[in-house]
């Protein structure tokens, strides 16, 4: 996010198109990384809250459910965008998120590492 702010400030000095596009991409990637799906940083934050509030197994179930719902929602939205001609990027990101959902025994190991 700091890079995005620096890029916007640099855009005011010249080459505005490149720096504004660069800032937009940076903000988009930062927000995507905050989604509550476990391969992402937002998923790790959500996992800590789920485990501390609900305990081990119920937190794992909630984490898995939120990951599947978020990934499926992104896949549906990406399919609509693909149909409208905006490209396959969101579909591919959603498929990547759904494929990389950890198994329950992996969640326990990750919890010990966190």
N, C-alpha and C. Protein backbone atom coordinates (compact mmCIF):
# COMPACT_ATOMS: atom_id res chain seq x y z
N UNK A 1 0.82 -1.19 0.00
CA UNK A 1 0.00 0.00 0.00
C UNK A 1 0.86 1.26 0.00
N UNK A 2 2.01 1.18 0.66
CA UNK A 2 2.92 2.32 0.64
C UNK A 2 3.41 2.61 -0.77
N UNK A 3 3.66 1.54 -1.53
CA UNK A 3 4.07 1.72 -2.92
C UNK A 3 2.97 2.42 -3.71
N UNK A 4 1.72 2.06 -3.48
CA UNK A 4 0.61 2.67 -4.21
C UNK A 4 0.54 4.17 -3.93
N UNK A 5 0.74 4.55 -2.68
CA UNK A 5 0.73 5.98 -2.33
C UNK A 5 1.89 6.69 -3.02
N UNK A 6 3.08 6.07 -3.00
CA UNK A 6 4.24 6.68 -3.67
C UNK A 6 4.01 6.78 -5.17
N UNK A 7 3.37 5.79 -5.77
CA UNK A 7 3.10 5.83 -7.20
C UNK A 7 2.13 6.93 -7.56
N UNK A 8 1.12 7.14 -6.73
CA UNK A 8 0.16 8.22 -6.99
C UNK A 8 0.85 9.57 -6.87
N UNK A 9 1.70 9.73 -5.88
CA UNK A 9 2.43 10.99 -5.73
C UNK A 9 3.37 11.22 -6.89
N UNK A 10 3.98 10.15 -7.39
CA UNK A 10 4.87 10.26 -8.54
C UNK A 10 4.08 10.57 -9.81
N UNK A 11 2.86 10.10 -9.90
CA UNK A 11 2.03 10.35 -11.08
C UNK A 11 1.76 11.84 -11.26
N UNK A 12 1.75 12.58 -10.18
CA UNK A 12 1.50 14.01 -10.27
C UNK A 12 2.68 14.74 -10.92
N UNK A 13 3.87 14.11 -10.88
CA UNK A 13 5.07 14.76 -11.42
C UNK A 13 5.28 14.46 -12.90
N UNK A 14 4.68 13.42 -13.42
CA UNK A 14 4.83 13.08 -14.83
C UNK A 14 4.56 11.60 -15.06
N UNK A 15 4.36 11.22 -16.30
CA UNK A 15 4.03 9.85 -16.68
C UNK A 15 2.86 9.31 -15.85
N UNK A 16 1.81 10.07 -15.81
CA UNK A 16 0.67 9.77 -14.93
C UNK A 16 0.02 8.43 -15.25
N UNK A 17 -0.09 8.07 -16.52
CA UNK A 17 -0.78 6.83 -16.88
C UNK A 17 -0.09 5.60 -16.29
N UNK A 18 1.21 5.51 -16.45
CA UNK A 18 1.95 4.37 -15.93
C UNK A 18 1.85 4.28 -14.42
N UNK A 19 2.08 5.37 -13.72
CA UNK A 19 2.10 5.34 -12.26
C UNK A 19 0.71 5.13 -11.68
N UNK A 20 -0.31 5.69 -12.29
CA UNK A 20 -1.68 5.44 -11.81
C UNK A 20 -2.08 3.99 -12.01
N UNK A 21 -1.72 3.41 -13.15
CA UNK A 21 -2.00 2.00 -13.38
C UNK A 21 -1.24 1.13 -12.39
N UNK A 22 0.01 1.46 -12.14
CA UNK A 22 0.83 0.72 -11.19
C UNK A 22 0.24 0.80 -9.77
N UNK A 23 -0.22 1.99 -9.39
CA UNK A 23 -0.83 2.15 -8.07
C UNK A 23 -2.12 1.35 -7.96
N UNK A 24 -2.93 1.35 -9.02
CA UNK A 24 -4.18 0.58 -9.00
C UNK A 24 -3.94 -0.91 -8.87
N UNK A 25 -2.97 -1.42 -9.60
CA UNK A 25 -2.64 -2.84 -9.51
C UNK A 25 -2.14 -3.19 -8.11
N UNK A 26 -1.34 -2.31 -7.54
CA UNK A 26 -0.81 -2.56 -6.19
C UNK A 26 -1.92 -2.62 -5.15
N UNK A 27 -2.86 -1.69 -5.24
CA UNK A 27 -3.99 -1.68 -4.29
C UNK A 27 -4.85 -2.92 -4.49
N UNK A 28 -5.10 -3.30 -5.73
CA UNK A 28 -5.91 -4.49 -6.02
C UNK A 28 -5.27 -5.75 -5.46
N UNK A 29 -3.97 -5.91 -5.65
CA UNK A 29 -3.28 -7.08 -5.11
C UNK A 29 -3.26 -7.08 -3.58
N UNK A 30 -3.12 -5.90 -2.98
CA UNK A 30 -3.13 -5.81 -1.52
C UNK A 30 -4.49 -6.21 -0.96
N UNK A 31 -5.56 -5.76 -1.59
CA UNK A 31 -6.90 -6.12 -1.13
C UNK A 31 -7.19 -7.60 -1.35
N UNK A 32 -6.75 -8.14 -2.49
CA UNK A 32 -6.93 -9.57 -2.74
C UNK A 32 -6.21 -10.39 -1.68
N UNK A 33 -5.04 -9.97 -1.28
CA UNK A 33 -4.25 -10.68 -0.28
C UNK A 33 -4.91 -10.67 1.10
N UNK A 34 -5.83 -9.74 1.32
CA UNK A 34 -6.52 -9.67 2.62
C UNK A 34 -7.81 -10.49 2.67
N UNK A 35 -8.13 -11.22 1.60
CA UNK A 35 -9.31 -12.09 1.64
C UNK A 35 -9.13 -13.16 2.72
N UNK A 36 -10.22 -13.56 3.39
CA UNK A 36 -10.10 -14.51 4.50
C UNK A 36 -9.98 -15.97 4.05
N UNK A 37 -9.07 -16.23 3.13
CA UNK A 37 -8.83 -17.57 2.61
C UNK A 37 -7.41 -17.94 2.98
N UNK A 38 -7.22 -19.15 3.50
CA UNK A 38 -5.96 -19.48 4.16
C UNK A 38 -4.67 -19.39 3.36
N UNK A 39 -4.60 -19.63 2.09
CA UNK A 39 -3.28 -19.44 1.49
C UNK A 39 -2.84 -17.97 1.52
N UNK A 40 -3.77 -17.06 1.73
CA UNK A 40 -3.46 -15.63 1.72
C UNK A 40 -3.23 -15.12 3.14
N UNK A 41 -2.67 -13.92 3.25
CA UNK A 41 -2.41 -13.34 4.57
C UNK A 41 -3.69 -13.07 5.35
N UNK A 42 -4.74 -12.66 4.65
CA UNK A 42 -6.03 -12.46 5.32
C UNK A 42 -6.57 -13.75 5.91
N UNK A 43 -6.29 -14.87 5.26
CA UNK A 43 -6.69 -16.17 5.79
C UNK A 43 -5.94 -16.53 7.05
N UNK A 44 -4.68 -16.15 7.12
CA UNK A 44 -3.91 -16.41 8.34
C UNK A 44 -4.43 -15.59 9.51
N UNK A 45 -4.78 -14.35 9.22
CA UNK A 45 -5.35 -13.49 10.27
C UNK A 45 -6.69 -14.06 10.72
N UNK A 46 -7.53 -14.44 9.75
CA UNK A 46 -8.84 -15.01 10.07
C UNK A 46 -8.69 -16.32 10.84
N UNK A 47 -7.69 -17.12 10.48
CA UNK A 47 -7.45 -18.39 11.18
C UNK A 47 -7.12 -18.15 12.65
N UNK A 48 -6.30 -17.17 12.92
CA UNK A 48 -5.95 -16.87 14.32
C UNK A 48 -7.19 -16.47 15.11
N UNK A 49 -8.05 -15.63 14.52
CA UNK A 49 -9.28 -15.24 15.21
C UNK A 49 -10.22 -16.43 15.39
N UNK A 50 -10.38 -17.25 14.35
CA UNK A 50 -11.29 -18.39 14.43
C UNK A 50 -10.82 -19.38 15.49
N UNK A 51 -9.52 -19.66 15.52
CA UNK A 51 -9.00 -20.63 16.50
C UNK A 51 -9.09 -20.08 17.92
N UNK A 52 -8.85 -18.78 18.08
CA UNK A 52 -8.90 -18.25 19.45
C UNK A 52 -10.34 -18.10 19.95
N UNK A 53 -11.28 -17.82 19.06
CA UNK A 53 -12.66 -17.63 19.49
C UNK A 53 -13.45 -18.94 19.57
N UNK A 54 -13.22 -19.85 18.63
CA UNK A 54 -14.04 -21.06 18.55
C UNK A 54 -13.31 -22.33 18.97
N UNK A 55 -12.02 -22.28 19.08
CA UNK A 55 -11.26 -23.48 19.38
C UNK A 55 -10.81 -24.18 18.11
N UNK A 56 -10.17 -25.32 18.28
CA UNK A 56 -9.53 -26.02 17.19
C UNK A 56 -10.44 -26.51 16.09
N UNK A 57 -11.28 -27.49 16.38
CA UNK A 57 -12.07 -28.13 15.32
C UNK A 57 -13.13 -27.20 14.73
N UNK A 58 -13.83 -26.47 15.58
CA UNK A 58 -14.87 -25.56 15.07
C UNK A 58 -14.24 -24.41 14.30
N UNK A 59 -13.09 -23.94 14.75
CA UNK A 59 -12.38 -22.91 14.00
C UNK A 59 -11.92 -23.40 12.65
N UNK A 60 -11.45 -24.66 12.60
CA UNK A 60 -11.04 -25.26 11.33
C UNK A 60 -12.22 -25.39 10.37
N UNK A 61 -13.38 -25.80 10.89
CA UNK A 61 -14.57 -25.94 10.05
C UNK A 61 -15.01 -24.58 9.50
N UNK A 62 -14.99 -23.57 10.35
CA UNK A 62 -15.36 -22.23 9.91
C UNK A 62 -14.37 -21.73 8.86
N UNK A 63 -13.11 -21.95 9.10
CA UNK A 63 -12.07 -21.51 8.16
C UNK A 63 -12.23 -22.18 6.81
N UNK A 64 -12.50 -23.46 6.81
CA UNK A 64 -12.70 -24.21 5.56
C UNK A 64 -13.96 -23.71 4.85
N UNK A 65 -15.04 -23.50 5.58
CA UNK A 65 -16.30 -23.04 4.98
C UNK A 65 -16.14 -21.64 4.37
N UNK A 66 -15.50 -20.74 5.09
CA UNK A 66 -15.31 -19.39 4.58
C UNK A 66 -14.42 -19.42 3.34
N UNK A 67 -13.41 -20.26 3.34
CA UNK A 67 -12.54 -20.38 2.18
C UNK A 67 -13.28 -20.89 0.95
N UNK A 68 -14.12 -21.90 1.15
CA UNK A 68 -14.89 -22.45 0.02
C UNK A 68 -15.93 -21.47 -0.49
N UNK A 69 -16.60 -20.77 0.42
CA UNK A 69 -17.62 -19.80 0.01
C UNK A 69 -16.96 -18.63 -0.72
N UNK A 70 -15.85 -18.14 -0.19
CA UNK A 70 -15.15 -17.03 -0.84
C UNK A 70 -14.63 -17.43 -2.21
N UNK A 71 -14.00 -18.59 -2.29
CA UNK A 71 -13.49 -19.07 -3.57
C UNK A 71 -14.58 -19.29 -4.60
N UNK A 72 -15.70 -19.88 -4.16
CA UNK A 72 -16.82 -20.12 -5.07
C UNK A 72 -17.45 -18.80 -5.52
N UNK A 73 -17.58 -17.86 -4.60
CA UNK A 73 -18.12 -16.54 -4.97
C UNK A 73 -17.23 -15.83 -5.97
N UNK A 74 -15.93 -15.90 -5.77
CA UNK A 74 -15.01 -15.28 -6.73
C UNK A 74 -15.07 -15.99 -8.08
N UNK A 75 -15.25 -17.30 -8.06
CA UNK A 75 -15.36 -18.05 -9.32
C UNK A 75 -16.62 -17.65 -10.08
N UNK A 76 -17.73 -17.49 -9.38
CA UNK A 76 -18.96 -17.07 -10.03
C UNK A 76 -18.81 -15.65 -10.58
N UNK A 77 -18.27 -14.75 -9.77
CA UNK A 77 -18.05 -13.37 -10.23
C UNK A 77 -17.07 -13.33 -11.40
N UNK A 78 -16.01 -14.13 -11.31
CA UNK A 78 -15.06 -14.19 -12.41
C UNK A 78 -15.67 -14.74 -13.68
N UNK A 79 -16.58 -15.70 -13.55
CA UNK A 79 -17.27 -16.26 -14.72
C UNK A 79 -18.15 -15.20 -15.39
N UNK A 80 -18.82 -14.40 -14.56
CA UNK A 80 -19.64 -13.31 -15.11
C UNK A 80 -18.74 -12.31 -15.83
N UNK A 81 -17.62 -11.92 -15.20
CA UNK A 81 -16.69 -10.99 -15.85
C UNK A 81 -16.11 -11.57 -17.12
N UNK A 82 -15.82 -12.85 -17.12
CA UNK A 82 -15.31 -13.50 -18.32
C UNK A 82 -16.36 -13.47 -19.43
N UNK A 83 -17.60 -13.73 -19.08
CA UNK A 83 -18.69 -13.70 -20.04
C UNK A 83 -18.87 -12.30 -20.63
N UNK A 84 -18.64 -11.27 -19.80
CA UNK A 84 -18.78 -9.88 -20.26
C UNK A 84 -17.55 -9.39 -21.03
N UNK A 85 -16.50 -10.22 -21.07
CA UNK A 85 -15.33 -9.87 -21.87
C UNK A 85 -14.21 -9.19 -21.12
N UNK A 86 -14.18 -9.31 -19.79
CA UNK A 86 -13.13 -8.65 -19.01
C UNK A 86 -11.90 -9.53 -18.77
N UNK A 87 -11.88 -10.72 -19.30
CA UNK A 87 -10.70 -11.57 -19.17
C UNK A 87 -10.84 -12.62 -18.08
N UNK A 88 -9.92 -13.58 -18.07
CA UNK A 88 -10.02 -14.74 -17.17
C UNK A 88 -9.29 -14.59 -15.84
N UNK A 89 -8.74 -13.44 -15.53
CA UNK A 89 -7.86 -13.32 -14.36
C UNK A 89 -8.57 -13.69 -13.05
N UNK A 90 -9.78 -13.20 -12.83
CA UNK A 90 -10.49 -13.49 -11.58
C UNK A 90 -10.88 -14.96 -11.50
N UNK A 91 -11.27 -15.56 -12.62
CA UNK A 91 -11.57 -17.00 -12.64
C UNK A 91 -10.34 -17.81 -12.26
N UNK A 92 -9.21 -17.46 -12.83
CA UNK A 92 -7.98 -18.19 -12.54
C UNK A 92 -7.56 -18.02 -11.08
N UNK A 93 -7.71 -16.82 -10.54
CA UNK A 93 -7.38 -16.59 -9.13
C UNK A 93 -8.30 -17.40 -8.22
N UNK A 94 -9.59 -17.47 -8.56
CA UNK A 94 -10.55 -18.23 -7.75
C UNK A 94 -10.24 -19.72 -7.82
N UNK A 95 -9.89 -20.21 -8.99
CA UNK A 95 -9.54 -21.63 -9.11
C UNK A 95 -8.29 -21.92 -8.29
N UNK A 96 -7.31 -21.03 -8.33
CA UNK A 96 -6.10 -21.21 -7.53
C UNK A 96 -6.43 -21.26 -6.04
N UNK A 97 -7.32 -20.36 -5.59
CA UNK A 97 -7.72 -20.36 -4.18
C UNK A 97 -8.42 -21.66 -3.80
N UNK A 98 -9.31 -22.14 -4.65
CA UNK A 98 -10.04 -23.36 -4.34
C UNK A 98 -9.13 -24.59 -4.35
N UNK A 99 -8.18 -24.63 -5.25
CA UNK A 99 -7.25 -25.77 -5.31
C UNK A 99 -6.33 -25.79 -4.10
N UNK A 100 -5.95 -24.62 -3.61
CA UNK A 100 -4.98 -24.54 -2.52
C UNK A 100 -5.59 -24.48 -1.13
N UNK A 101 -6.85 -24.88 -1.00
CA UNK A 101 -7.44 -24.97 0.33
C UNK A 101 -6.77 -26.10 1.10
N UNK A 102 -6.26 -25.83 2.31
CA UNK A 102 -5.56 -26.88 3.06
C UNK A 102 -6.51 -27.92 3.61
N UNK A 103 -5.98 -29.11 3.80
CA UNK A 103 -6.73 -30.21 4.41
C UNK A 103 -6.75 -30.01 5.92
N UNK A 104 -7.71 -30.62 6.64
CA UNK A 104 -7.81 -30.42 8.09
C UNK A 104 -6.53 -30.77 8.86
N UNK A 105 -5.83 -31.84 8.47
CA UNK A 105 -4.62 -32.18 9.21
C UNK A 105 -3.51 -31.15 8.99
N UNK A 106 -3.55 -30.46 7.85
CA UNK A 106 -2.59 -29.40 7.59
C UNK A 106 -2.91 -28.18 8.44
N UNK A 107 -4.20 -27.94 8.70
CA UNK A 107 -4.59 -26.79 9.50
C UNK A 107 -4.01 -26.89 10.91
N UNK A 108 -4.01 -28.08 11.47
CA UNK A 108 -3.49 -28.26 12.82
C UNK A 108 -2.00 -27.92 12.83
N UNK A 109 -1.27 -28.37 11.82
CA UNK A 109 0.16 -28.06 11.76
C UNK A 109 0.39 -26.55 11.60
N UNK A 110 -0.42 -25.90 10.78
CA UNK A 110 -0.28 -24.46 10.60
C UNK A 110 -0.58 -23.71 11.90
N UNK A 111 -1.59 -24.20 12.64
CA UNK A 111 -1.94 -23.56 13.90
C UNK A 111 -0.77 -23.63 14.87
N UNK A 112 -0.07 -24.75 14.88
CA UNK A 112 1.08 -24.88 15.77
C UNK A 112 2.20 -23.95 15.34
N UNK A 113 2.34 -23.73 14.04
CA UNK A 113 3.37 -22.83 13.55
C UNK A 113 3.05 -21.36 13.85
N UNK A 114 1.76 -21.02 13.80
CA UNK A 114 1.37 -19.63 14.07
C UNK A 114 1.53 -19.35 15.55
